Amino acid sequence: MKIAVTSTGASIDSTVDERFGRARYIVIYDTEGKSFETIDNETHVNLSQGAGIQTAGSMAEKKVDVVLTGRVGPKASEALNKAKIKYVEGISGTCRSAVEKYSSAS
């Protein structure tokens, strides 16, 4: 399973970013390989509109199964649902703790 977490920094120990589409980084944790990669989301952050939709498209390209974040806007929600990517809102703390909490709950 691939778990994506919106992040304020490039590390898995960075703080969860409360924004989905305009998060500076997305940390993707692969539960099977026990590894993570970080996506620089700067190109989507600076869009005047459609940041959430574009970020959702990036998640689909990376074959992410679930997104952990603070908040997902309505257009991004629609795009994630269309791509069959689950998302959980209201996440805070570090990306590592978010992944650990989600993994132990599922």
PDB file of N, CA and C in Angstrom:
ATOM      1  N   MET A   1       0.839  -1.178   0.000  1.00  0.00           N
ATOM      2  CA  MET A   1       0.000   0.000   0.000  1.00  0.00           C
ATOM      3  C   MET A   1       0.884   1.241   0.000  1.00  0.00           C
ATOM      4  N   LYS A   2       0.450   2.243  -0.739  1.00  0.00           N
ATOM      5  CA  LYS A   2       1.157   3.526  -0.757  1.00  0.00           C
ATOM      6  C   LYS A   2       0.307   4.569  -0.036  1.00  0.00           C
ATOM      7  N   ILE A   3       0.916   5.174   0.985  1.00  0.00           N
ATOM      8  CA  ILE A   3       0.251   6.184   1.795  1.00  0.00           C
ATOM      9  C   ILE A   3       0.925   7.527   1.540  1.00  0.00           C
ATOM     10  N   ALA A   4       0.185   8.501   1.036  1.00  0.00           N
ATOM     11  CA  ALA A   4       0.721   9.835   0.784  1.00  0.00           C
ATOM     12  C   ALA A   4       0.317  10.760   1.925  1.00  0.00           C
ATOM     13  N   VAL A   5       1.275  11.573   2.370  1.00  0.00           N
ATOM     14  CA  VAL A   5       1.011  12.526   3.445  1.00  0.00           C
ATOM     15  C   VAL A   5       1.454  13.908   2.974  1.00  0.00           C
ATOM     16  N   THR A   6       0.580  14.898   3.088  1.00  0.00           N
ATOM     17  CA  THR A   6       0.970  16.261   2.742  1.00  0.00           C
ATOM     18  C   THR A   6       1.948  16.751   3.802  1.00  0.00           C
ATOM     19  N   SER A   7       2.999  17.442   3.355  1.00  0.00           N
ATOM     20  CA  SER A   7       4.084  17.762   4.277  1.00  0.00           C
ATOM     21  C   SER A   7       4.630  19.171   4.073  1.00  0.00           C
ATOM     22  N   THR A   8       5.098  19.756   5.178  1.00  0.00           N
ATOM     23  CA  THR A   8       5.735  21.077   5.112  1.00  0.00           C
ATOM     24  C   THR A   8       7.210  20.973   4.760  1.00  0.00           C
ATOM     25  N   GLY A   9       7.765  19.770   4.817  1.00  0.00           N
ATOM     26  CA  GLY A   9       9.185  19.553   4.515  1.00  0.00           C
ATOM     27  C   GLY A   9       9.386  18.275   3.735  1.00  0.00           C
ATOM     28  N   ALA A  10      10.625  18.026   3.340  1.00  0.00           N
ATOM     29  CA  ALA A  10      10.933  16.885   2.479  1.00  0.00           C
ATOM     30  C   ALA A  10      11.156  15.577   3.237  1.00  0.00           C
ATOM     31  N   SER A  11      11.147  15.613   4.548  1.00  0.00           N
ATOM     32  CA  SER A  11      11.441  14.435   5.362  1.00  0.00           C
ATOM     33  C   SER A  11      10.173  13.781   5.884  1.00  0.00           C
ATOM     34  N   ILE A  12      10.248  12.499   6.156  1.00  0.00           N
ATOM     35  CA  ILE A  12       9.112  11.796   6.758  1.00  0.00           C
ATOM     36  C   ILE A  12       8.874  12.271   8.191  1.00  0.00           C
ATOM     37  N   ASP A  13       9.866  12.961   8.759  1.00  0.00           N
ATOM     38  CA  ASP A  13       9.714  13.509  10.102  1.00  0.00           C
ATOM     39  C   ASP A  13       9.248  14.967  10.095  1.00  0.00           C
ATOM     40  N   SER A  14       8.910  15.485   8.917  1.00  0.00           N
ATOM     41  CA  SER A  14       8.377  16.846   8.799  1.00  0.00           C
ATOM     42  C   SER A  14       6.931  16.881   9.275  1.00  0.00           C
ATOM     43  N   THR A  15       6.426  18.071   9.516  1.00  0.00           N
ATOM     44  CA  THR A  15       5.062  18.275   9.975  1.00  0.00           C
ATOM     45  C   THR A  15       4.079  18.111   8.817  1.00  0.00           C
ATOM     46  N   VAL A  16       2.936  17.521   9.122  1.00  0.00           N
ATOM     47  CA  VAL A  16       1.868  17.373   8.133  1.00  0.00           C
ATOM     48  C   VAL A  16       1.378  18.761   7.737  1.00  0.00           C
ATOM     49  N   ASP A  17       1.248  18.998   6.439  1.00  0.00           N
ATOM     50  CA  ASP A  17       0.694  20.260   5.936  1.00  0.00           C
ATOM     51  C   ASP A  17      -0.822  20.116   5.930  1.00  0.00           C
ATOM     52  N   GLU A  18      -1.513  21.107   6.463  1.00  0.00           N
ATOM     53  CA  GLU A  18      -2.975  21.026   6.533  1.00  0.00           C
ATOM     54  C   GLU A  18      -3.640  21.157   5.173  1.00  0.00           C
ATOM     55  N   ARG A  19      -2.916  21.643   4.171  1.00  0.00           N
ATOM     56  CA  ARG A  19      -3.495  21.816   2.827  1.00  0.00           C
ATOM     57  C   ARG A  19      -3.129  20.630   1.945  1.00  0.00           C
ATOM     58  N   PHE A  20      -4.048  20.214   1.102  1.00  0.00           N
ATOM     59  CA  PHE A  20      -3.748  19.133   0.160  1.00  0.00           C
ATOM     60  C   PHE A  20      -3.099  19.679  -1.110  1.00  0.00           C
ATOM     61  N   GLY A  21      -3.846  20.408  -1.895  1.00  0.00           N
ATOM     62  CA  GLY A  21      -3.363  20.864  -3.199  1.00  0.00           C
ATOM     63  C   GLY A  21      -2.189  21.814  -3.139  1.00  0.00           C
ATOM     64  N   ARG A  22      -2.102  22.596  -2.093  1.00  0.00           N
ATOM     65  CA  ARG A  22      -1.025  23.581  -1.979  1.00  0.00           C
ATOM     66  C   ARG A  22       0.044  23.180  -0.963  1.00  0.00           C
ATOM     67  N   ALA A  23       0.072  21.911  -0.603  1.00  0.00           N
ATOM     68  CA  ALA A  23       1.150  21.418   0.263  1.00  0.00           C
ATOM     69  C   ALA A  23       2.459  21.504  -0.503  1.00  0.00           C
ATOM     70  N   ARG A  24       3.502  21.952   0.155  1.00  0.00           N
ATOM     71  CA  ARG A  24       4.806  22.129  -0.512  1.00  0.00           C
ATOM     72  C   ARG A  24       5.408  20.782  -0.932  1.00  0.00           C
ATOM     73  N   TYR A  25       5.220  19.776  -0.094  1.00  0.00           N
ATOM     74  CA  TYR A  25       5.744  18.437  -0.387  1.00  0.00           C
ATOM     75  C   TYR A  25       4.674  17.386  -0.124  1.00  0.00           C
ATOM     76  N   ILE A  26       4.841  16.250  -0.771  1.00  0.00           N
ATOM     77  CA  ILE A  26       4.022  15.074  -0.510  1.00  0.00           C
ATOM     78  C   ILE A  26       5.009  13.940  -0.219  1.00  0.00           C
ATOM     79  N   VAL A  27       4.888  13.356   0.962  1.00  0.00           N
ATOM     80  CA  VAL A  27       5.718  12.216   1.333  1.00  0.00           C
ATOM     81  C   VAL A  27       4.888  10.964   1.072  1.00  0.00           C
ATOM     82  N   ILE A  28       5.441  10.048   0.284  1.00  0.00           N
ATOM     83  CA  ILE A  28       4.740   8.804  -0.039  1.00  0.00           C
ATOM     84  C   ILE A  28       5.483   7.644   0.617  1.00  0.00           C
ATOM     85  N   TYR A  29       4.775   6.946   1.485  1.00  0.00           N
ATOM     86  CA  TYR A  29       5.350   5.807   2.190  1.00  0.00           C
ATOM     87  C   TYR A  29       4.806   4.522   1.588  1.00  0.00           C
ATOM     88  N   ASP A  30       5.705   3.605   1.216  1.00  0.00           N
ATOM     89  CA  ASP A  30       5.340   2.306   0.664  1.00  0.00           C
ATOM     90  C   ASP A  30       5.411   1.280   1.787  1.00  0.00           C
ATOM     91  N   THR A  31       4.275   0.779   2.226  1.00  0.00           N
ATOM     92  CA  THR A  31       4.241  -0.137   3.367  1.00  0.00           C
ATOM     93  C   THR A  31       4.892  -1.484   3.050  1.00  0.00           C
ATOM     94  N   GLU A  32       4.878  -1.887   1.792  1.00  0.00           N
ATOM     95  CA  GLU A  32       5.478  -3.165   1.427  1.00  0.00           C
ATOM     96  C   GLU A  32       7.001  -3.080   1.436  1.00  0.00           C
ATOM     97  N   GLY A  33       7.551  -2.039   0.846  1.00  0.00           N
ATOM     98  CA  GLY A  33       8.996  -1.883   0.785  1.00  0.00           C
ATOM     99  C   GLY A  33       9.584  -1.163   1.991  1.00  0.00           C
ATOM    100  N   LYS A  34       8.705  -0.666   2.879  1.00  0.00           N
ATOM    101  CA  LYS A  34       9.142   0.101   4.061  1.00  0.00           C
ATOM    102  C   LYS A  34      10.062   1.256   3.666  1.00  0.00           C
ATOM    103  N   SER A  35       9.693   1.926   2.575  1.00  0.00           N
ATOM    104  CA  SER A  35      10.508   3.037   2.076  1.00  0.00           C
ATOM    105  C   SER A  35       9.615   4.238   1.785  1.00  0.00           C
ATOM    106  N   PHE A  36      10.245   5.398   1.666  1.00  0.00           N
ATOM    107  CA  PHE A  36       9.471   6.580   1.321  1.00  0.00           C
ATOM    108  C   PHE A  36      10.176   7.388   0.253  1.00  0.00           C
ATOM    109  N   GLU A  37       9.376   8.147  -0.471  1.00  0.00           N
ATOM    110  CA  GLU A  37       9.886   9.106  -1.448  1.00  0.00           C
ATOM    111  C   GLU A  37       9.157  10.411  -1.224  1.00  0.00           C
ATOM    112  N   THR A  38       9.788  11.493  -1.597  1.00  0.00           N
ATOM    113  CA  THR A  38       9.175  12.806  -1.434  1.00  0.00           C
ATOM    114  C   THR A  38       8.985  13.444  -2.801  1.00  0.00           C
ATOM    115  N   ILE A  39       7.798  13.980  -3.015  1.00  0.00           N
ATOM    116  CA  ILE A  39       7.494  14.712  -4.249  1.00  0.00           C
ATOM    117  C   ILE A  39       7.502  16.198  -3.928  1.00  0.00           C
ATOM    118  N   ASP A  40       8.210  16.960  -4.718  1.00  0.00           N
ATOM    119  CA  ASP A  40       8.195  18.416  -4.599  1.00  0.00           C
ATOM    120  C   ASP A  40       6.956  18.897  -5.351  1.00  0.00           C
ATOM    121  N   ASN A  41       6.028  19.486  -4.643  1.00  0.00           N
ATOM    122  CA  ASN A  41       4.741  19.897  -5.209  1.00  0.00           C
ATOM    123  C   ASN A  41       4.703  21.384  -5.576  1.00  0.00           C
ATOM    124  N   GLU A  42       5.859  22.002  -5.696  1.00  0.00           N
ATOM    125  CA  GLU A  42       5.939  23.448  -5.917  1.00  0.00           C
ATOM    126  C   GLU A  42       5.195  23.910  -7.163  1.00  0.00           C
ATOM    127  N   THR A  43       5.241  23.137  -8.237  1.00  0.00           N
ATOM    128  CA  THR A  43       4.558  23.574  -9.461  1.00  0.00           C
ATOM    129  C   THR A  43       3.055  23.701  -9.250  1.00  0.00           C
ATOM    130  N   HIS A  44       2.486  22.864  -8.406  1.00  0.00           N
ATOM    131  CA  HIS A  44       1.049  22.944  -8.139  1.00  0.00           C
ATOM    132  C   HIS A  44       0.722  24.016  -7.101  1.00  0.00           C
ATOM    133  N   VAL A  45       1.630  24.235  -6.165  1.00  0.00           N
ATOM    134  CA  VAL A  45       1.431  25.252  -5.117  1.00  0.00           C
ATOM    135  C   VAL A  45       1.195  26.623  -5.738  1.00  0.00           C
ATOM    136  N   ASN A  46       1.916  26.926  -6.794  1.00  0.00           N
ATOM    137  CA  ASN A  46       1.888  28.260  -7.389  1.00  0.00           C
ATOM    138  C   ASN A  46       0.817  28.457  -8.456  1.00  0.00           C
ATOM    139  N   LEU A  47      -0.014  27.462  -8.706  1.00  0.00           N
ATOM    140  CA  LEU A  47      -1.087  27.630  -9.687  1.00  0.00           C
ATOM    141  C   LEU A  47      -2.143  28.589  -9.144  1.00  0.00           C
ATOM    142  N   SER A  48      -2.710  29.408 -10.021  1.00  0.00           N
ATOM    143  CA  SER A  48      -3.751  30.332  -9.572  1.00  0.00           C
ATOM    144  C   SER A  48      -5.049  29.594  -9.250  1.00  0.00           C
ATOM    145  N   GLN A  49      -5.281  28.469  -9.907  1.00  0.00           N
ATOM    146  CA  GLN A  49      -6.439  27.626  -9.604  1.00  0.00           C
ATOM    147  C   GLN A  49      -6.141  26.203 -10.052  1.00  0.00           C
ATOM    148  N   GLY A  50      -6.845  25.246  -9.489  1.00  0.00           N
ATOM    149  CA  GLY A  50      -6.677  23.852  -9.896  1.00  0.00           C
ATOM    150  C   GLY A  50      -5.548  23.099  -9.210  1.00  0.00           C
ATOM    151  N   ALA A  51      -4.977  23.663  -8.142  1.00  0.00           N
ATOM    152  CA  ALA A  51      -3.857  23.009  -7.459  1.00  0.00           C
ATOM    153  C   ALA A  51      -4.256  21.640  -6.919  1.00  0.00           C
ATOM    154  N   GLY A  52      -5.431  21.539  -6.329  1.00  0.00           N
ATOM    155  CA  GLY A  52      -5.889  20.269  -5.774  1.00  0.00           C
ATOM    156  C   GLY A  52      -6.114  19.209  -6.829  1.00  0.00           C
ATOM    157  N   ILE A  53      -6.689  19.617  -7.949  1.00  0.00           N
ATOM    158  CA  ILE A  53      -6.941  18.678  -9.046  1.00  0.00           C
ATOM    159  C   ILE A  53      -5.627  18.155  -9.608  1.00  0.00           C
ATOM    160  N   GLN A  54      -4.661  19.053  -9.795  1.00  0.00           N
ATOM    161  CA  GLN A  54      -3.355  18.651 -10.321  1.00  0.00           C
ATOM    162  C   GLN A  54      -2.615  17.744  -9.342  1.00  0.00           C
ATOM    163  N   THR A  55      -2.691  18.066  -8.057  1.00  0.00           N
ATOM    164  CA  THR A  55      -2.035  17.240  -7.043  1.00  0.00           C
ATOM    165  C   THR A  55      -2.691  15.863  -6.992  1.00  0.00           C
ATOM    166  N   ALA A  56      -4.002  15.809  -7.112  1.00  0.00           N
ATOM    167  CA  ALA A  56      -4.700  14.518  -7.157  1.00  0.00           C
ATOM    168  C   ALA A  56      -4.233  13.698  -8.355  1.00  0.00           C
ATOM    169  N   GLY A  57      -4.011  14.361  -9.482  1.00  0.00           N
ATOM    170  CA  GLY A  57      -3.496  13.673 -10.667  1.00  0.00           C
ATOM    171  C   GLY A  57      -2.116  13.082 -10.415  1.00  0.00           C
ATOM    172  N   SER A  58      -1.279  13.810  -9.693  1.00  0.00           N
ATOM    173  CA  SER A  58       0.050  13.300  -9.345  1.00  0.00           C
ATOM    174  C   SER A  58      -0.066  12.070  -8.445  1.00  0.00           C
ATOM    175  N   MET A  59      -1.035  12.081  -7.537  1.00  0.00           N
ATOM    176  CA  MET A  59      -1.234  10.933  -6.646  1.00  0.00           C
ATOM    177  C   MET A  59      -1.671   9.699  -7.448  1.00  0.00           C
ATOM    178  N   ALA A  60      -2.512   9.912  -8.441  1.00  0.00           N
ATOM    179  CA  ALA A  60      -2.954   8.815  -9.302  1.00  0.00           C
ATOM    180  C   ALA A  60      -1.773   8.252 -10.101  1.00  0.00           C
ATOM    181  N   GLU A  61      -0.927   9.140 -10.617  1.00  0.00           N
ATOM    182  CA  GLU A  61       0.258   8.703 -11.370  1.00  0.00           C
ATOM    183  C   GLU A  61       1.198   7.863 -10.509  1.00  0.00           C
ATOM    184  N   LYS A  62       1.298   8.210  -9.235  1.00  0.00           N
ATOM    185  CA  LYS A  62       2.172   7.481  -8.309  1.00  0.00           C
ATOM    186  C   LYS A  62       1.495   6.240  -7.728  1.00  0.00           C
ATOM    187  N   LYS A  63       0.251   5.995  -8.136  1.00  0.00           N
ATOM    188  CA  LYS A  63      -0.526   4.836  -7.684  1.00  0.00           C
ATOM    189  C   LYS A  63      -0.680   4.793  -6.158  1.00  0.00           C
ATOM    190  N   VAL A  64      -0.994   5.973  -5.606  1.00  0.00           N
ATOM    191  CA  VAL A  64      -1.221   6.107  -4.172  1.00  0.00           C
ATOM    192  C   VAL A  64      -2.579   5.493  -3.819  1.00  0.00           C
ATOM    193  N   ASP A  65      -2.653   4.814  -2.676  1.00  0.00           N
ATOM    194  CA  ASP A  65      -3.898   4.205  -2.226  1.00  0.00           C
ATOM    195  C   ASP A  65      -4.695   5.119  -1.308  1.00  0.00           C
ATOM    196  N   VAL A  66      -3.990   5.910  -0.479  1.00  0.00           N
ATOM    197  CA  VAL A  66      -4.660   6.779   0.489  1.00  0.00           C
ATOM    198  C   VAL A  66      -3.828   8.039   0.702  1.00  0.00           C
ATOM    199  N   VAL A  67      -4.511   9.150   0.937  1.00  0.00           N
ATOM    200  CA  VAL A  67      -3.871  10.436   1.237  1.00  0.00           C
ATOM    201  C   VAL A  67      -4.260  10.846   2.652  1.00  0.00           C
ATOM    202  N   LEU A  68      -3.256  11.242   3.446  1.00  0.00           N
ATOM    203  CA  LEU A  68      -3.480  11.765   4.792  1.00  0.00           C
ATOM    204  C   LEU A  68      -3.154  13.252   4.759  1.00  0.00           C
ATOM    205  N   THR A  69      -4.077  14.093   5.189  1.00  0.00           N
ATOM    206  CA  THR A  69      -3.883  15.536   5.093  1.00  0.00           C
ATOM    207  C   THR A  69      -4.783  16.259   6.100  1.00  0.00           C
ATOM    208  N   GLY A  70      -4.619  17.547   6.154  1.00  0.00           N
ATOM    209  CA  GLY A  70      -5.479  18.351   7.016  1.00  0.00           C
ATOM    210  C   GLY A  70      -6.844  18.565   6.401  1.00  0.00           C
ATOM    211  N   ARG A  71      -6.851  18.970   5.133  1.00  0.00           N
ATOM    212  CA  ARG A  71      -8.120  19.305   4.471  1.00  0.00           C
ATOM    213  C   ARG A  71      -7.998  19.121   2.968  1.00  0.00           C
ATOM    214  N   VAL A  72      -9.069  18.621   2.357  1.00  0.00           N
ATOM    215  CA  VAL A  72      -9.160  18.455   0.906  1.00  0.00           C
ATOM    216  C   VAL A  72     -10.332  19.309   0.429  1.00  0.00           C
ATOM    217  N   GLY A  73     -10.083  20.159  -0.549  1.00  0.00           N
ATOM    218  CA  GLY A  73     -11.144  20.989  -1.106  1.00  0.00           C
ATOM    219  C   GLY A  73     -12.108  20.178  -1.953  1.00  0.00           C
ATOM    220  N   PRO A  74     -13.252  20.766  -2.314  1.00  0.00           N
ATOM    221  CA  PRO A  74     -14.283  20.026  -3.045  1.00  0.00           C
ATOM    222  C   PRO A  74     -13.847  19.514  -4.418  1.00  0.00           C
ATOM    223  N   LYS A  75     -13.105  20.298  -5.161  1.00  0.00           N
ATOM    224  CA  LYS A  75     -12.667  19.855  -6.496  1.00  0.00           C
ATOM    225  C   LYS A  75     -11.607  18.762  -6.385  1.00  0.00           C
ATOM    226  N   ALA A  76     -10.707  18.902  -5.417  1.00  0.00           N
ATOM    227  CA  ALA A  76      -9.686  17.878  -5.195  1.00  0.00           C
ATOM    228  C   ALA A  76     -10.342  16.587  -4.709  1.00  0.00           C
ATOM    229  N   SER A  77     -11.357  16.725  -3.861  1.00  0.00           N
ATOM    230  CA  SER A  77     -12.093  15.562  -3.364  1.00  0.00           C
ATOM    231  C   SER A  77     -12.710  14.785  -4.529  1.00  0.00           C
ATOM    232  N   GLU A  78     -13.320  15.520  -5.439  1.00  0.00           N
ATOM    233  CA  GLU A  78     -13.918  14.896  -6.616  1.00  0.00           C
ATOM    234  C   GLU A  78     -12.863  14.173  -7.450  1.00  0.00           C
ATOM    235  N   ALA A  79     -11.706  14.807  -7.639  1.00  0.00           N
ATOM    236  CA  ALA A  79     -10.631  14.209  -8.435  1.00  0.00           C
ATOM    237  C   ALA A  79     -10.071  12.955  -7.751  1.00  0.00           C
ATOM    238  N   LEU A  80      -9.895  12.999  -6.431  1.00  0.00           N
ATOM    239  CA  LEU A  80      -9.409  11.824  -5.696  1.00  0.00           C
ATOM    240  C   LEU A  80     -10.425  10.686  -5.764  1.00  0.00           C
ATOM    241  N   ASN A  81     -11.693  11.015  -5.591  1.00  0.00           N
ATOM    242  CA  ASN A  81     -12.742   9.986  -5.669  1.00  0.00           C
ATOM    243  C   ASN A  81     -12.784   9.350  -7.049  1.00  0.00           C
ATOM    244  N   LYS A  82     -12.640  10.162  -8.071  1.00  0.00           N
ATOM    245  CA  LYS A  82     -12.650   9.654  -9.448  1.00  0.00           C
ATOM    246  C   LYS A  82     -11.481   8.695  -9.683  1.00  0.00           C
ATOM    247  N   ALA A  83     -10.333   8.997  -9.062  1.00  0.00           N
ATOM    248  CA  ALA A  83      -9.143   8.149  -9.192  1.00  0.00           C
ATOM    249  C   ALA A  83      -9.170   6.969  -8.221  1.00  0.00           C
ATOM    250  N   LYS A  84     -10.249   6.868  -7.424  1.00  0.00           N
ATOM    251  CA  LYS A  84     -10.407   5.802  -6.430  1.00  0.00           C
ATOM    252  C   LYS A  84      -9.295   5.820  -5.380  1.00  0.00           C
ATOM    253  N   ILE A  85      -8.932   7.043  -4.964  1.00  0.00           N
ATOM    254  CA  ILE A  85      -7.938   7.230  -3.911  1.00  0.00           C
ATOM    255  C   ILE A  85      -8.677   7.686  -2.659  1.00  0.00           C
ATOM    256  N   LYS A  86      -8.532   6.929  -1.581  1.00  0.00           N
ATOM    257  CA  LYS A  86      -9.148   7.309  -0.308  1.00  0.00           C
ATOM    258  C   LYS A  86      -8.377   8.490   0.267  1.00  0.00           C
ATOM    259  N   TYR A  87      -9.037   9.259   1.111  1.00  0.00           N
ATOM    260  CA  TYR A  87      -8.322  10.319   1.820  1.00  0.00           C
ATOM    261  C   TYR A  87      -8.888  10.488   3.213  1.00  0.00           C
ATOM    262  N   VAL A  88      -8.013  10.901   4.124  1.00  0.00           N
ATOM    263  CA  VAL A  88      -8.392  11.128   5.505  1.00  0.00           C
ATOM    264  C   VAL A  88      -7.996  12.557   5.861  1.00  0.00           C
ATOM    265  N   GLU A  89      -8.949  13.338   6.330  1.00  0.00           N
ATOM    266  CA  GLU A  89      -8.704  14.727   6.707  1.00  0.00           C
ATOM    267  C   GLU A  89      -8.524  14.850   8.220  1.00  0.00           C
ATOM    268  N   GLY A  90      -8.049  16.008   8.644  1.00  0.00           N
ATOM    269  CA  GLY A  90      -7.889  16.280  10.062  1.00  0.00           C
ATOM    270  C   GLY A  90      -6.608  15.696  10.648  1.00  0.00           C
ATOM    271  N   ILE A  91      -5.665  15.378   9.792  1.00  0.00           N
ATOM    272  CA  ILE A  91      -4.400  14.776  10.228  1.00  0.00           C
ATOM    273  C   ILE A  91      -3.447  15.877  10.685  1.00  0.00           C
ATOM    274  N   SER A  92      -2.723  15.610  11.763  1.00  0.00           N
ATOM    275  CA  SER A  92      -1.722  16.562  12.261  1.00  0.00           C
ATOM    276  C   SER A  92      -0.539  15.770  12.815  1.00  0.00           C
ATOM    277  N   GLY A  93       0.483  16.484  13.280  1.00  0.00           N
ATOM    278  CA  GLY A  93       1.691  15.834  13.804  1.00  0.00           C
ATOM    279  C   GLY A  93       2.730  15.685  12.706  1.00  0.00           C
ATOM    280  N   THR A  94       3.574  14.676  12.828  1.00  0.00           N
ATOM    281  CA  THR A  94       4.584  14.435  11.796  1.00  0.00           C
ATOM    282  C   THR A  94       4.040  13.447  10.771  1.00  0.00           C
ATOM    283  N   CYS A  95       4.659  13.435   9.613  1.00  0.00           N
ATOM    284  CA  CYS A  95       4.253  12.484   8.578  1.00  0.00           C
ATOM    285  C   CYS A  95       4.448  11.056   9.080  1.00  0.00           C
ATOM    286  N   ARG A  96       5.565  10.816   9.775  1.00  0.00           N
ATOM    287  CA  ARG A  96       5.846   9.476  10.300  1.00  0.00           C
ATOM    288  C   ARG A  96       4.733   9.023  11.263  1.00  0.00           C
ATOM    289  N   SER A  97       4.353   9.900  12.205  1.00  0.00           N
ATOM    290  CA  SER A  97       3.316   9.518  13.169  1.00  0.00           C
ATOM    291  C   SER A  97       1.975   9.313  12.472  1.00  0.00           C
ATOM    292  N   ALA A  98       1.683  10.106  11.441  1.00  0.00           N
ATOM    293  CA  ALA A  98       0.433   9.946  10.697  1.00  0.00           C
ATOM    294  C   ALA A  98       0.384   8.585  10.012  1.00  0.00           C
ATOM    295  N   VAL A  99       1.496   8.185   9.398  1.00  0.00           N
ATOM    296  CA  VAL A  99       1.567   6.884   8.729  1.00  0.00           C
ATOM    297  C   VAL A  99       1.429   5.758   9.754  1.00  0.00           C
ATOM    298  N   GLU A 100       2.129   5.890  10.871  1.00  0.00           N
ATOM    299  CA  GLU A 100       2.068   4.856  11.908  1.00  0.00           C
ATOM    300  C   GLU A 100       0.653   4.708  12.465  1.00  0.00           C
ATOM    301  N   LYS A 101      -0.010   5.813  12.737  1.00  0.00           N
ATOM    302  CA  LYS A 101      -1.381   5.766  13.264  1.00  0.00           C
ATOM    303  C   LYS A 101      -2.329   5.148  12.246  1.00  0.00           C
ATOM    304  N   TYR A 102      -2.202   5.557  10.983  1.00  0.00           N
ATOM    305  CA  TYR A 102      -3.089   5.027   9.955  1.00  0.00           C
ATOM    306  C   TYR A 102      -2.844   3.528   9.751  1.00  0.00           C
ATOM    307  N   SER A 103      -1.585   3.137   9.694  1.00  0.00           N
ATOM    308  CA  SER A 103      -1.241   1.734   9.464  1.00  0.00           C
ATOM    309  C   SER A 103      -1.739   0.841  10.597  1.00  0.00           C
ATOM    310  N   SER A 104      -1.628   1.318  11.836  1.00  0.00           N
ATOM    311  CA  SER A 104      -2.058   0.483  12.959  1.00  0.00           C
ATOM    312  C   SER A 104      -3.586   0.411  13.055  1.00  0.00           C
ATOM    313  N   ALA A 105      -4.282   1.412  12.524  1.00  0.00           N
ATOM    314  CA  ALA A 105      -5.743   1.438  12.568  1.00  0.00           C
ATOM    315  C   ALA A 105      -6.370   0.622  11.441  1.00  0.00           C
ATOM    316  N   SER A 106      -5.608   0.394  10.356  1.00  0.00           N
ATOM    317  CA  SER A 106      -6.215  -0.318   9.225  1.00  0.00           C
ATOM    318  C   SER A 106      -5.924  -1.787   9.244  1.00  0.00           C
TER     319      SER A 106
END
